[in-house]
Amino acid sequence: MSHSTVPRSRAEAEDSTGKTPVASGSAGTGKKTKAGKLGLGVRFRRDRVLILMTLPAVLLLLVFNYLPILGNIVAFQDYDPYVSDNGIVSMLHSAWVGLENFQQIFADSAFWNAVKNTLVLFFLQLVLFFPIPIALALLINSVVRPRVRALSQAILYLPHFFSWVLVISVFQQIFGGAGLLSQLLRQHGYDGLDIMSDPSTFKFLVTAESVWKDAGWGIIVFLAALASVSPDLYEAAAMDGAGRWRRMWHVTLPALRPVIALLLVLRVGDALTVGFEQILLQRDAVGPGAAEVLDTFVWWNGVRNQDFGYAAAAGLIKGVVSLGLVLAANKVAHLMGEQGVYKK
């Protein structure tokens, strides 16, 4: 009786040859690493189409986001842009001042006022603005009729496409000194209100404008996360006797938790950027004491006062602090069991 030349199992292969057989594509062929992962060349050939698709986006990031980082050297110079028409030549011929710009910034009371206003606006928007898209998404998701759900979603998302000039104009027509609210109060014998030029309410006004304009975008994100929740989970919870609130607490919110963690990390990293155009358009109405934030501080000193090194130093401080906030918030997300911006 003839014997087969192919072993029937791994154990038989070891018995017949005395060695463990080398799998195809293993480290012996150079196609896999010791851990069994594909090599760099194999992965490149496998994903070359995806790499080519993302190449334009990578080039845009390099040109408009990473190459300008080299310009941070201006923060350590007494930069003079009029030395040459070429910005690189101007940097090479500008006087080196070291940390002098940073020393002046830390001694500037206007800078610390801008930091205070920025942090106050961030915490207000985090507390008042961030939960609103979640609540609205849950409310829209509970609507049974698809047409009503689509119409309400479109109405809430529409202001996202408006420019800040238009948004502020709408609020001016309602809450300004000659706006609809003031006229209504005067018709009934009361004094008019001018909320748009009141420094004490400016921070709440800015938050309200952000909610009206950008809450719809957050609703889209959370509704997309809710669409991935299996209806079987809701049916199982209902069969176990869970009411609407318990189903929301034990099924809906856990499904939203990864998205909430991700957006919260990104929001914390964006804490020192609270809306340059929005604040700049209203800065003169309430004064720099109430409306000056870090972005307008950099613009005012760098563009209006032509002190580019001083403004670059302030912008560099803002960037470093924002990076630290992103890393810290992402670490907290990892400790809470979420992925955050990137995996561990």
Foldseek 3Di string as FASTA:
>chain_A
DDDDPDDPDQVRVCVVPVDGDDDPLDVVVVQADPVRHGDPVVVCVVCVVVCVVCVVVVVCCCVPPVVCVVVLQLLQFQFDCPPDVDRVVSSVPTHGRGCPLVVVLVVDPLNVLQAVLLLVLLVCLVVPQLCVLVVVLVVLVPDDDPVVSVVVLCVQQVLLPPDLVVLVVVCCQDQAQPHPQQVVQVVVPHHGGGLLQALVCVSVVLSVSCNSRCSSVSSVVLNVLQVPFDVVLVVVCVVVPDDPVRCCVPGSVVSCVQVSLQVVLVSQLCSQPSDDVNLVVSCVSHHSSRRRHLNVVLCCCCPVVVSPNSSSNSVVVSNVVSVVSSVVSCVVCVVVVHCHPHHD
